[in-house]
PDB file of N, CA and C in Angstrom:
ATOM      1  N   MET A   1       6.381  11.519 -25.670  1.00  0.00           N
ATOM      2  CA  MET A   1       6.864  10.623 -24.519  1.00  0.00           C
ATOM      3  C   MET A   1       8.214  11.325 -23.850  1.00  0.00           C
ATOM      4  N   SER A   2       8.288  11.323 -22.712  1.00  0.00           N
ATOM      5  CA  SER A   2       9.381  11.818 -22.068  1.00  0.00           C
ATOM      6  C   SER A   2      10.613  10.969 -22.057  1.00  0.00           C
ATOM      7  N   GLU A   3      11.772  11.309 -22.011  1.00  0.00           N
ATOM      8  CA  GLU A   3      12.939  10.607 -21.904  1.00  0.00           C
ATOM      9  C   GLU A   3      13.396  10.335 -20.476  1.00  0.00           C
ATOM     10  N   ILE A   4      13.638   9.188 -20.239  1.00  0.00           N
ATOM     11  CA  ILE A   4      14.051   8.694 -18.871  1.00  0.00           C
ATOM     12  C   ILE A   4      15.631   8.254 -18.906  1.00  0.00           C
ATOM     13  N   VAL A   5      16.364   8.996 -17.918  1.00  0.00           N
ATOM     14  CA  VAL A   5      17.784   8.520 -17.835  1.00  0.00           C
ATOM     15  C   VAL A   5      17.901   7.534 -16.618  1.00  0.00           C
ATOM     16  N   VAL A   6      18.547   6.551 -16.910  1.00  0.00           N
ATOM     17  CA  VAL A   6      18.897   5.555 -15.865  1.00  0.00           C
ATOM     18  C   VAL A   6      20.384   5.374 -15.929  1.00  0.00           C
ATOM     19  N   LYS A   7      21.074   5.276 -14.733  1.00  0.00           N
ATOM     20  CA  LYS A   7      22.323   4.990 -14.705  1.00  0.00           C
ATOM     21  C   LYS A   7      22.678   3.696 -15.221  1.00  0.00           C
ATOM     22  N   GLU A   8      23.831   3.523 -15.855  1.00  0.00           N
ATOM     23  CA  GLU A   8      24.449   2.227 -16.547  1.00  0.00           C
ATOM     24  C   GLU A   8      24.355   1.086 -15.232  1.00  0.00           C
ATOM     25  N   GLU A   9      24.791   1.503 -14.098  1.00  0.00           N
ATOM     26  CA  GLU A   9      24.856   0.634 -13.049  1.00  0.00           C
ATOM     27  C   GLU A   9      23.551   0.051 -12.632  1.00  0.00           C
ATOM     28  N   THR A  10      22.520   0.908 -12.685  1.00  0.00           N
ATOM     29  CA  THR A  10      21.208   0.560 -12.244  1.00  0.00           C
ATOM     30  C   THR A  10      20.485  -0.472 -13.462  1.00  0.00           C
ATOM     31  N   LEU A  11      20.801  -0.180 -14.717  1.00  0.00           N
ATOM     32  CA  LEU A  11      20.469  -1.137 -15.875  1.00  0.00           C
ATOM     33  C   LEU A  11      21.146  -2.449 -15.613  1.00  0.00           C
ATOM     34  N   GLN A  12      22.392  -2.296 -15.223  1.00  0.00           N
ATOM     35  CA  GLN A  12      23.037  -3.796 -15.021  1.00  0.00           C
ATOM     36  C   GLN A  12      22.315  -4.483 -13.840  1.00  0.00           C
ATOM     37  N   LEU A  13      21.917  -3.729 -12.823  1.00  0.00           N
ATOM     38  CA  LEU A  13      21.225  -4.422 -11.738  1.00  0.00           C
ATOM     39  C   LEU A  13      19.870  -5.001 -12.244  1.00  0.00           C
ATOM     40  N   LEU A  14      19.288  -4.275 -13.002  1.00  0.00           N
ATOM     41  CA  LEU A  14      17.908  -4.645 -13.657  1.00  0.00           C
ATOM     42  C   LEU A  14      18.002  -5.853 -14.540  1.00  0.00           C
ATOM     43  N   GLU A  15      19.224  -6.118 -15.089  1.00  0.00           N
ATOM     44  CA  GLU A  15      19.319  -7.118 -16.123  1.00  0.00           C
ATOM     45  C   GLU A  15      19.789  -8.503 -15.291  1.00  0.00           C
ATOM     46  N   GLU A  16      20.098  -8.453 -14.002  1.00  0.00           N
ATOM     47  CA  GLU A  16      20.397  -9.615 -13.368  1.00  0.00           C
ATOM     48  C   GLU A  16      19.278 -10.475 -13.346  1.00  0.00           C
ATOM     49  N   PRO A  17      19.629 -11.872 -13.291  1.00  0.00           N
ATOM     50  CA  PRO A  17      18.556 -12.798 -13.425  1.00  0.00           C
ATOM     51  C   PRO A  17      17.508 -12.869 -12.231  1.00  0.00           C
ATOM     52  N   LEU A  18      17.874 -12.295 -11.164  1.00  0.00           N
ATOM     53  CA  LEU A  18      16.945 -12.192 -10.091  1.00  0.00           C
ATOM     54  C   LEU A  18      15.435 -11.837 -10.449  1.00  0.00           C
ATOM     55  N   LEU A  19      15.334 -10.953 -11.430  1.00  0.00           N
ATOM     56  CA  LEU A  19      14.050 -10.583 -11.917  1.00  0.00           C
ATOM     57  C   LEU A  19      13.592 -11.143 -12.999  1.00  0.00           C
ATOM     58  N   GLY A  20      14.266 -12.200 -13.499  1.00  0.00           N
ATOM     59  CA  GLY A  20      13.905 -13.005 -14.728  1.00  0.00           C
ATOM     60  C   GLY A  20      14.364 -12.343 -16.016  1.00  0.00           C
ATOM     61  N   ASP A  21      13.616 -12.878 -17.080  1.00  0.00           N
ATOM     62  CA  ASP A  21      13.845 -12.416 -18.330  1.00  0.00           C
ATOM     63  C   ASP A  21      12.888 -11.515 -18.892  1.00  0.00           C
ATOM     64  N   GLN A  22      12.370 -10.766 -18.205  1.00  0.00           N
ATOM     65  CA  GLN A  22      11.404  -9.768 -18.565  1.00  0.00           C
ATOM     66  C   GLN A  22      11.929  -8.479 -19.132  1.00  0.00           C
ATOM     67  N   SER A  23      11.268  -7.615 -19.760  1.00  0.00           N
ATOM     68  CA  SER A  23      11.738  -6.372 -20.227  1.00  0.00           C
ATOM     69  C   SER A  23      11.893  -5.438 -18.977  1.00  0.00           C
ATOM     70  N   ILE A  24      12.732  -4.492 -19.266  1.00  0.00           N
ATOM     71  CA  ILE A  24      13.135  -3.451 -18.175  1.00  0.00           C
ATOM     72  C   ILE A  24      11.830  -2.921 -17.496  1.00  0.00           C
ATOM     73  N   ASP A  25      10.931  -2.562 -18.428  1.00  0.00           N
ATOM     74  CA  ASP A  25       9.627  -1.934 -17.968  1.00  0.00           C
ATOM     75  C   ASP A  25       8.974  -3.042 -17.113  1.00  0.00           C
ATOM     76  N   ALA A  26       8.757  -4.305 -17.613  1.00  0.00           N
ATOM     77  CA  ALA A  26       8.204  -5.334 -16.815  1.00  0.00           C
ATOM     78  C   ALA A  26       8.837  -5.335 -15.332  1.00  0.00           C
ATOM     79  N   LYS A  27      10.316  -5.470 -15.336  1.00  0.00           N
ATOM     80  CA  LYS A  27      10.941  -5.549 -14.166  1.00  0.00           C
ATOM     81  C   LYS A  27      10.629  -4.352 -13.173  1.00  0.00           C
ATOM     82  N   ILE A  28      10.589  -3.124 -13.793  1.00  0.00           N
ATOM     83  CA  ILE A  28      10.254  -2.072 -12.929  1.00  0.00           C
ATOM     84  C   ILE A  28       8.883  -2.212 -12.272  1.00  0.00           C
ATOM     85  N   ARG A  29       8.015  -2.421 -13.135  1.00  0.00           N
ATOM     86  CA  ARG A  29       6.629  -2.796 -12.480  1.00  0.00           C
ATOM     87  C   ARG A  29       6.543  -3.739 -11.505  1.00  0.00           C
ATOM     88  N   THR A  30       7.377  -4.870 -11.605  1.00  0.00           N
ATOM     89  CA  THR A  30       7.367  -6.053 -10.629  1.00  0.00           C
ATOM     90  C   THR A  30       7.846  -5.337  -9.343  1.00  0.00           C
ATOM     91  N   LEU A  31       9.027  -4.532  -9.308  1.00  0.00           N
ATOM     92  CA  LEU A  31       9.591  -3.810  -8.213  1.00  0.00           C
ATOM     93  C   LEU A  31       8.478  -2.886  -7.643  1.00  0.00           C
ATOM     94  N   LEU A  32       7.838  -2.284  -8.322  1.00  0.00           N
ATOM     95  CA  LEU A  32       6.775  -1.302  -7.840  1.00  0.00           C
ATOM     96  C   LEU A  32       5.706  -2.032  -7.170  1.00  0.00           C
ATOM     97  N   GLU A  33       5.372  -3.197  -7.767  1.00  0.00           N
ATOM     98  CA  GLU A  33       4.352  -4.006  -7.198  1.00  0.00           C
ATOM     99  C   GLU A  33       4.620  -4.552  -5.821  1.00  0.00           C
ATOM    100  N   ALA A  34       6.048  -4.905  -5.745  1.00  0.00           N
ATOM    101  CA  ALA A  34       6.399  -5.457  -4.380  1.00  0.00           C
ATOM    102  C   ALA A  34       6.566  -4.420  -3.285  1.00  0.00           C
ATOM    103  N   GLU A  35       6.767  -3.092  -3.766  1.00  0.00           N
ATOM    104  CA  GLU A  35       6.802  -1.902  -2.863  1.00  0.00           C
ATOM    105  C   GLU A  35       5.451  -1.719  -2.412  1.00  0.00           C
ATOM    106  N   TYR A  36       4.476  -1.786  -3.408  1.00  0.00           N
ATOM    107  CA  TYR A  36       3.090  -1.250  -3.092  1.00  0.00           C
ATOM    108  C   TYR A  36       2.488  -2.396  -2.075  1.00  0.00           C
ATOM    109  N   LEU A  37       2.961  -3.646  -2.369  1.00  0.00           N
ATOM    110  CA  LEU A  37       2.400  -4.728  -1.389  1.00  0.00           C
ATOM    111  C   LEU A  37       2.848  -4.584  -0.104  1.00  0.00           C
ATOM    112  N   ARG A  38       4.183  -4.117   0.117  1.00  0.00           N
ATOM    113  CA  ARG A  38       4.899  -4.030   1.334  1.00  0.00           C
ATOM    114  C   ARG A  38       4.066  -2.918   2.155  1.00  0.00           C
ATOM    115  N   ARG A  39       3.862  -1.734   1.401  1.00  0.00           N
ATOM    116  CA  ARG A  39       3.354  -0.613   2.046  1.00  0.00           C
ATOM    117  C   ARG A  39       1.866  -1.019   2.472  1.00  0.00           C
ATOM    118  N   LEU A  40       1.170  -1.619   1.540  1.00  0.00           N
ATOM    119  CA  LEU A  40      -0.257  -2.130   1.771  1.00  0.00           C
ATOM    120  C   LEU A  40      -0.319  -2.913   2.955  1.00  0.00           C
ATOM    121  N   GLN A  41       0.669  -3.901   3.155  1.00  0.00           N
ATOM    122  CA  GLN A  41       0.701  -4.830   4.462  1.00  0.00           C
ATOM    123  C   GLN A  41       1.094  -4.029   5.591  1.00  0.00           C
ATOM    124  N   GLN A  42       1.897  -2.957   5.507  1.00  0.00           N
ATOM    125  CA  GLN A  42       2.059  -2.198   6.905  1.00  0.00           C
ATOM    126  C   GLN A  42       0.925  -1.657   7.310  1.00  0.00           C
ATOM    127  N   HIS A  43       0.114  -0.862   6.304  1.00  0.00           N
ATOM    128  CA  HIS A  43      -1.108  -0.262   6.649  1.00  0.00           C
ATOM    129  C   HIS A  43      -2.089  -1.207   7.084  1.00  0.00           C
ATOM    130  N   GLN A  44      -2.334  -2.473   6.448  1.00  0.00           N
ATOM    131  CA  GLN A  44      -3.138  -3.494   7.044  1.00  0.00           C
ATOM    132  C   GLN A  44      -2.840  -3.956   8.463  1.00  0.00           C
ATOM    133  N   ARG A  45      -1.434  -3.963   8.733  1.00  0.00           N
ATOM    134  CA  ARG A  45      -0.973  -4.523  10.078  1.00  0.00           C
ATOM    135  C   ARG A  45      -1.509  -3.451  11.233  1.00  0.00           C
ATOM    136  N   GLN A  46      -1.263  -2.178  10.715  1.00  0.00           N
ATOM    137  CA  GLN A  46      -1.648  -1.121  11.637  1.00  0.00           C
ATOM    138  C   GLN A  46      -3.279  -1.120  11.832  1.00  0.00           C
ATOM    139  N   ASP A  47      -4.028  -1.493  10.806  1.00  0.00           N
ATOM    140  CA  ASP A  47      -5.388  -1.460  11.007  1.00  0.00           C
ATOM    141  C   ASP A  47      -5.775  -2.714  11.995  1.00  0.00           C
ATOM    142  N   ARG A  48      -5.168  -3.827  11.624  1.00  0.00           N
ATOM    143  CA  ARG A  48      -5.392  -5.057  12.556  1.00  0.00           C
ATOM    144  C   ARG A  48      -5.139  -4.677  14.009  1.00  0.00           C
ATOM    145  N   ILE A  49      -4.002  -4.080  14.234  1.00  0.00           N
ATOM    146  CA  ILE A  49      -3.461  -3.871  15.645  1.00  0.00           C
ATOM    147  C   ILE A  49      -4.585  -2.844  16.384  1.00  0.00           C
ATOM    148  N   LEU A  50      -4.968  -1.824  15.664  1.00  0.00           N
ATOM    149  CA  LEU A  50      -5.918  -1.014  16.207  1.00  0.00           C
ATOM    150  C   LEU A  50      -7.407  -1.521  16.406  1.00  0.00           C
ATOM    151  N   ARG A  51      -7.705  -2.298  15.569  1.00  0.00           N
ATOM    152  CA  ARG A  51      -9.091  -3.125  15.509  1.00  0.00           C
ATOM    153  C   ARG A  51      -9.082  -3.994  16.930  1.00  0.00           C
ATOM    154  N   ARG A  52      -7.981  -4.640  17.093  1.00  0.00           N
ATOM    155  CA  ARG A  52      -7.805  -5.568  18.252  1.00  0.00           C
ATOM    156  C   ARG A  52      -7.797  -4.718  19.574  1.00  0.00           C
ATOM    157  N   LYS A  53      -7.060  -3.518  19.545  1.00  0.00           N
ATOM    158  CA  LYS A  53      -6.958  -2.750  20.724  1.00  0.00           C
ATOM    159  C   LYS A  53      -8.236  -2.127  21.077  1.00  0.00           C
ATOM    160  N   TYR A  54      -8.957  -1.647  20.209  1.00  0.00           N
ATOM    161  CA  TYR A  54     -10.404  -0.948  20.452  1.00  0.00           C
ATOM    162  C   TYR A  54     -11.518  -2.043  20.252  1.00  0.00           C
ATOM    163  N   GLY A  55     -11.360  -3.082  19.769  1.00  0.00           N
ATOM    164  CA  GLY A  55     -12.346  -4.178  19.501  1.00  0.00           C
ATOM    165  C   GLY A  55     -13.526  -3.585  18.519  1.00  0.00           C
ATOM    166  N   MET A  56     -13.044  -2.974  17.446  1.00  0.00           N
ATOM    167  CA  MET A  56     -14.020  -2.367  16.527  1.00  0.00           C
ATOM    168  C   MET A  56     -13.330  -1.835  15.193  1.00  0.00           C
ATOM    169  N   SER A  57     -14.056  -1.589  14.244  1.00  0.00           N
ATOM    170  CA  SER A  57     -13.407  -1.047  13.039  1.00  0.00           C
ATOM    171  C   SER A  57     -13.162   0.389  13.257  1.00  0.00           C
ATOM    172  N   PHE A  58     -12.582   1.134  12.367  1.00  0.00           N
ATOM    173  CA  PHE A  58     -12.214   2.450  12.286  1.00  0.00           C
ATOM    174  C   PHE A  58     -13.453   3.236  12.107  1.00  0.00           C
ATOM    175  N   ASP A  59     -14.544   2.823  11.354  1.00  0.00           N
ATOM    176  CA  ASP A  59     -15.594   3.565  11.192  1.00  0.00           C
ATOM    177  C   ASP A  59     -16.486   3.516  12.433  1.00  0.00           C
ATOM    178  N   THR A  60     -16.548   2.310  13.243  1.00  0.00           N
ATOM    179  CA  THR A  60     -17.236   2.328  14.361  1.00  0.00           C
ATOM    180  C   THR A  60     -16.562   3.284  15.391  1.00  0.00           C
ATOM    181  N   PHE A  61     -15.219   3.270  15.607  1.00  0.00           N
ATOM    182  CA  PHE A  61     -14.389   4.060  16.344  1.00  0.00           C
ATOM    183  C   PHE A  61     -14.903   5.561  16.140  1.00  0.00           C
ATOM    184  N   CYS A  62     -14.871   6.093  14.920  1.00  0.00           N
ATOM    185  CA  CYS A  62     -15.283   7.302  14.604  1.00  0.00           C
ATOM    186  C   CYS A  62     -16.821   7.687  14.910  1.00  0.00           C
ATOM    187  N   ASP A  63     -17.540   6.681  14.453  1.00  0.00           N
ATOM    188  CA  ASP A  63     -19.090   6.896  14.800  1.00  0.00           C
ATOM    189  C   ASP A  63     -19.408   7.084  16.359  1.00  0.00           C
ATOM    190  N   GLN A  64     -18.670   6.340  17.119  1.00  0.00           N
ATOM    191  CA  GLN A  64     -18.652   6.380  18.598  1.00  0.00           C
ATOM    192  C   GLN A  64     -18.033   7.599  19.247  1.00  0.00           C
ATOM    193  N   HIS A  65     -17.307   8.425  18.368  1.00  0.00           N
ATOM    194  CA  HIS A  65     -16.604   9.533  18.933  1.00  0.00           C
ATOM    195  C   HIS A  65     -15.812   9.234  20.169  1.00  0.00           C
ATOM    196  N   LEU A  66     -14.990   8.112  19.924  1.00  0.00           N
ATOM    197  CA  LEU A  66     -14.274   7.559  21.014  1.00  0.00           C
ATOM    198  C   LEU A  66     -13.144   8.636  21.488  1.00  0.00           C
ATOM    199  N   VAL A  67     -12.629   9.275  20.567  1.00  0.00           N
ATOM    200  CA  VAL A  67     -11.543  10.374  21.010  1.00  0.00           C
ATOM    201  C   VAL A  67     -12.166  11.297  22.024  1.00  0.00           C
ATOM    202  N   ALA A  68     -13.294  11.784  21.887  1.00  0.00           N
ATOM    203  CA  ALA A  68     -13.926  12.623  22.707  1.00  0.00           C
ATOM    204  C   ALA A  68     -14.436  11.909  23.919  1.00  0.00           C
ATOM    205  N   GLU A  69     -14.924  10.715  23.771  1.00  0.00           N
ATOM    206  CA  GLU A  69     -15.305   9.921  24.897  1.00  0.00           C
ATOM    207  C   GLU A  69     -14.224   9.611  25.999  1.00  0.00           C
ATOM    208  N   ARG A  70     -13.049   9.511  25.264  1.00  0.00           N
ATOM    209  CA  ARG A  70     -11.844   9.039  26.249  1.00  0.00           C
ATOM    210  C   ARG A  70     -11.014  10.317  26.498  1.00  0.00           C
ATOM    211  N   GLY A  71     -11.677  11.514  26.489  1.00  0.00           N
ATOM    212  CA  GLY A  71     -11.111  12.822  26.903  1.00  0.00           C
ATOM    213  C   GLY A  71      -9.975  13.398  26.193  1.00  0.00           C
ATOM    214  N   TYR A  72     -10.023  13.086  24.829  1.00  0.00           N
ATOM    215  CA  TYR A  72      -8.994  13.662  24.031  1.00  0.00           C
ATOM    216  C   TYR A  72      -7.521  13.368  24.428  1.00  0.00           C
ATOM    217  N   THR A  73      -7.324  12.199  25.054  1.00  0.00           N
ATOM    218  CA  THR A  73      -5.992  11.792  25.545  1.00  0.00           C
ATOM    219  C   THR A  73      -4.991  11.629  24.328  1.00  0.00           C
ATOM    220  N   TRP A  74      -3.798  11.779  24.676  1.00  0.00           N
ATOM    221  CA  TRP A  74      -2.701  11.814  23.786  1.00  0.00           C
ATOM    222  C   TRP A  74      -2.673  10.469  22.912  1.00  0.00           C
ATOM    223  N   ASP A  75      -2.776   9.399  23.702  1.00  0.00           N
ATOM    224  CA  ASP A  75      -2.739   8.026  23.082  1.00  0.00           C
ATOM    225  C   ASP A  75      -3.891   7.808  22.097  1.00  0.00           C
ATOM    226  N   VAL A  76      -5.105   8.148  22.471  1.00  0.00           N
ATOM    227  CA  VAL A  76      -6.200   8.015  21.722  1.00  0.00           C
ATOM    228  C   VAL A  76      -6.222   8.801  20.465  1.00  0.00           C
ATOM    229  N   GLU A  77      -5.782  10.045  20.584  1.00  0.00           N
ATOM    230  CA  GLU A  77      -5.608  10.970  19.569  1.00  0.00           C
ATOM    231  C   GLU A  77      -4.654  10.388  18.509  1.00  0.00           C
ATOM    232  N   GLN A  78      -3.540   9.936  19.100  1.00  0.00           N
ATOM    233  CA  GLN A  78      -2.405   9.501  18.209  1.00  0.00           C
ATOM    234  C   GLN A  78      -2.943   8.140  17.508  1.00  0.00           C
ATOM    235  N   ASP A  79      -3.682   7.370  18.136  1.00  0.00           N
ATOM    236  CA  ASP A  79      -4.173   6.096  17.497  1.00  0.00           C
ATOM    237  C   ASP A  79      -5.159   6.465  16.406  1.00  0.00           C
ATOM    238  N   ALA A  80      -6.122   7.459  16.714  1.00  0.00           N
ATOM    239  CA  ALA A  80      -7.002   7.919  15.784  1.00  0.00           C
ATOM    240  C   ALA A  80      -6.230   8.517  14.407  1.00  0.00           C
ATOM    241  N   MET A  81      -5.282   9.176  14.591  1.00  0.00           N
ATOM    242  CA  MET A  81      -4.464   9.764  13.386  1.00  0.00           C
ATOM    243  C   MET A  81      -3.728   8.551  12.671  1.00  0.00           C
ATOM    244  N   ASP A  82      -3.100   7.619  13.461  1.00  0.00           N
ATOM    245  CA  ASP A  82      -2.375   6.504  12.833  1.00  0.00           C
ATOM    246  C   ASP A  82      -3.423   5.606  12.136  1.00  0.00           C
ATOM    247  N   TRP A  83      -4.575   5.499  12.719  1.00  0.00           N
ATOM    248  CA  TRP A  83      -5.607   4.625  12.077  1.00  0.00           C
ATOM    249  C   TRP A  83      -6.064   5.148  10.766  1.00  0.00           C
ATOM    250  N   GLU A  84      -6.366   6.502  10.797  1.00  0.00           N
ATOM    251  CA  GLU A  84      -6.820   7.199   9.618  1.00  0.00           C
ATOM    252  C   GLU A  84      -5.837   7.121   8.526  1.00  0.00           C
ATOM    253  N   THR A  85      -4.637   7.247   8.871  1.00  0.00           N
ATOM    254  CA  THR A  85      -3.532   7.076   7.897  1.00  0.00           C
ATOM    255  C   THR A  85      -3.480   5.706   7.259  1.00  0.00           C
ATOM    256  N   ALA A  86      -3.695   4.652   8.176  1.00  0.00           N
ATOM    257  CA  ALA A  86      -3.659   3.285   7.670  1.00  0.00           C
ATOM    258  C   ALA A  86      -4.701   2.941   6.819  1.00  0.00           C
ATOM    259  N   ILE A  87      -5.910   3.535   7.053  1.00  0.00           N
ATOM    260  CA  ILE A  87      -7.223   3.296   6.331  1.00  0.00           C
ATOM    261  C   ILE A  87      -6.973   3.968   4.948  1.00  0.00           C
ATOM    262  N   GLY A  88      -6.447   5.215   4.889  1.00  0.00           N
ATOM    263  CA  GLY A  88      -6.161   5.917   3.619  1.00  0.00           C
ATOM    264  C   GLY A  88      -5.078   5.206   2.851  1.00  0.00           C
ATOM    265  N   GLY A  89      -4.182   4.737   3.621  1.00  0.00           N
ATOM    266  CA  GLY A  89      -2.951   3.966   2.793  1.00  0.00           C
ATOM    267  C   GLY A  89      -3.600   2.688   2.246  1.00  0.00           C
ATOM    268  N   ILE A  90      -4.348   2.076   2.850  1.00  0.00           N
ATOM    269  CA  ILE A  90      -4.980   0.764   2.474  1.00  0.00           C
ATOM    270  C   ILE A  90      -5.682   1.109   0.993  1.00  0.00           C
ATOM    271  N   ALA A  91      -6.496   2.077   1.014  1.00  0.00           N
ATOM    272  CA  ALA A  91      -7.254   2.354  -0.180  1.00  0.00           C
ATOM    273  C   ALA A  91      -6.243   2.958  -1.307  1.00  0.00           C
ATOM    274  N   THR A  92      -5.306   3.787  -0.875  1.00  0.00           N
ATOM    275  CA  THR A  92      -4.407   4.144  -1.924  1.00  0.00           C
ATOM    276  C   THR A  92      -3.425   3.186  -2.545  1.00  0.00           C
ATOM    277  N   PHE A  93      -2.933   2.247  -1.743  1.00  0.00           N
ATOM    278  CA  PHE A  93      -2.103   1.170  -2.427  1.00  0.00           C
ATOM    279  C   PHE A  93      -2.953   0.061  -3.057  1.00  0.00           C
ATOM    280  N   LYS A  94      -4.195  -0.129  -2.776  1.00  0.00           N
ATOM    281  CA  LYS A  94      -4.991  -1.083  -3.437  1.00  0.00           C
ATOM    282  C   LYS A  94      -5.253  -0.495  -4.745  1.00  0.00           C
ATOM    283  N   ASN A  95      -5.567   0.725  -4.825  1.00  0.00           N
ATOM    284  CA  ASN A  95      -5.802   1.508  -5.994  1.00  0.00           C
ATOM    285  C   ASN A  95      -4.502   1.495  -7.022  1.00  0.00           C
ATOM    286  N   LYS A  96      -3.392   1.815  -6.436  1.00  0.00           N
ATOM    287  CA  LYS A  96      -2.289   1.698  -7.213  1.00  0.00           C
ATOM    288  C   LYS A  96      -1.861   0.382  -7.680  1.00  0.00           C
ATOM    289  N   LEU A  97      -2.050  -0.702  -6.885  1.00  0.00           N
ATOM    290  CA  LEU A  97      -1.828  -2.000  -7.417  1.00  0.00           C
ATOM    291  C   LEU A  97      -2.776  -2.254  -8.329  1.00  0.00           C
ATOM    292  N   LYS A  98      -4.013  -1.945  -8.403  1.00  0.00           N
ATOM    293  CA  LYS A  98      -5.034  -2.162  -9.522  1.00  0.00           C
ATOM    294  C   LYS A  98      -4.491  -1.572 -10.762  1.00  0.00           C
ATOM    295  N   LYS A  99      -4.126  -0.228 -10.806  1.00  0.00           N
ATOM    296  CA  LYS A  99      -3.686   0.427 -11.960  1.00  0.00           C
ATOM    297  C   LYS A  99      -2.439  -0.229 -12.538  1.00  0.00           C
ATOM    298  N   LEU A 100      -1.492  -0.553 -11.577  1.00  0.00           N
ATOM    299  CA  LEU A 100      -0.257  -1.319 -12.037  1.00  0.00           C
ATOM    300  C   LEU A 100      -0.571  -2.478 -12.722  1.00  0.00           C
ATOM    301  N   ARG A 101      -1.411  -3.230 -12.174  1.00  0.00           N
ATOM    302  CA  ARG A 101      -1.709  -4.640 -12.799  1.00  0.00           C
ATOM    303  C   ARG A 101      -2.496  -4.356 -14.119  1.00  0.00           C
ATOM    304  N   GLU A 102      -3.349  -3.524 -14.144  1.00  0.00           N
ATOM    305  CA  GLU A 102      -4.018  -3.298 -15.562  1.00  0.00           C
ATOM    306  C   GLU A 102      -2.907  -2.737 -16.609  1.00  0.00           C
ATOM    307  N   LEU A 103      -1.802  -2.209 -16.193  1.00  0.00           N
ATOM    308  CA  LEU A 103      -0.782  -1.784 -17.086  1.00  0.00           C
ATOM    309  C   LEU A 103      -0.111  -2.939 -17.712  1.00  0.00           C
ATOM    310  N   ALA A 104       0.007  -3.976 -16.877  1.00  0.00           N
ATOM    311  CA  ALA A 104       0.582  -5.301 -17.249  1.00  0.00           C
ATOM    312  C   ALA A 104      -0.265  -6.078 -18.346  1.00  0.00           C
ATOM    313  N   ASP A 105      -1.439  -6.099 -18.166  1.00  0.00           N
ATOM    314  CA  ASP A 105      -2.397  -6.802 -19.179  1.00  0.00           C
ATOM    315  C   ASP A 105      -3.853  -6.044 -19.070  1.00  0.00           C
ATOM    316  N   PRO A 106      -3.963  -4.985 -19.898  1.00  0.00           N
ATOM    317  CA  PRO A 106      -5.156  -4.309 -19.598  1.00  0.00           C
ATOM    318  C   PRO A 106      -6.401  -5.040 -20.143  1.00  0.00           C
ATOM    319  N   ASP A 107      -6.238  -6.170 -20.807  1.00  0.00           N
ATOM    320  CA  ASP A 107      -7.453  -7.042 -21.241  1.00  0.00           C
ATOM    321  C   ASP A 107      -7.782  -8.139 -20.242  1.00  0.00           C
ATOM    322  N   ALA A 108      -6.778  -8.526 -19.304  1.00  0.00           N
ATOM    323  CA  ALA A 108      -6.964  -9.595 -18.431  1.00  0.00           C
ATOM    324  C   ALA A 108      -7.819  -9.214 -17.245  1.00  0.00           C
ATOM    325  N   VAL A 109      -8.671 -10.247 -16.678  1.00  0.00           N
ATOM    326  CA  VAL A 109      -9.466  -9.927 -15.626  1.00  0.00           C
ATOM    327  C   VAL A 109      -8.618 -10.151 -14.526  1.00  0.00           C
ATOM    328  N   GLN A 110      -8.612  -9.200 -13.612  1.00  0.00           N
ATOM    329  CA  GLN A 110      -7.675  -9.247 -12.438  1.00  0.00           C
ATOM    330  C   GLN A 110      -8.285 -10.127 -11.433  1.00  0.00           C
ATOM    331  N   PRO A 111      -7.603 -11.139 -10.853  1.00  0.00           N
ATOM    332  CA  PRO A 111      -8.085 -11.913  -9.695  1.00  0.00           C
ATOM    333  C   PRO A 111      -8.166 -11.030  -8.453  1.00  0.00           C
ATOM    334  N   ASN A 112      -8.864 -11.370  -7.581  1.00  0.00           N
ATOM    335  CA  ASN A 112      -9.113 -10.616  -6.153  1.00  0.00           C
ATOM    336  C   ASN A 112      -7.816 -10.821  -5.450  1.00  0.00           C
ATOM    337  N   ARG A 113      -6.786  -9.913  -5.785  1.00  0.00           N
ATOM    338  CA  ARG A 113      -5.630 -10.077  -4.997  1.00  0.00           C
ATOM    339  C   ARG A 113      -5.647  -8.706  -4.165  1.00  0.00           C
ATOM    340  N   PRO A 114      -4.707  -8.646  -3.086  1.00  0.00           N
ATOM    341  CA  PRO A 114      -4.649  -7.365  -2.189  1.00  0.00           C
ATOM    342  C   PRO A 114      -4.180  -6.325  -3.064  1.00  0.00           C
TER     343      PRO A 114
END
């Protein structure tokens, strides 16, 4: 196992009551979960915005070749790239959350959370 060096000031912050009486490892996992959820929500928000704008899902957007249909305009190209990033981010952060939650309790059945 590798050694991890944490500044004393960082440890003091982790020991504050804000995060409860958990172990340092559990507190770090709590902070990671919060960050993963924040990023997941950002990607989901982008997906919702573009779903409303185009009135369809990303898969339908791609299947209908909307970028080509709209003449490869900058706005549509940018939306396509942003949307693809959002869809990939949603999958990535859902996967990271699943793995992180399994670390917390590998025997527990995880509820359907984001």
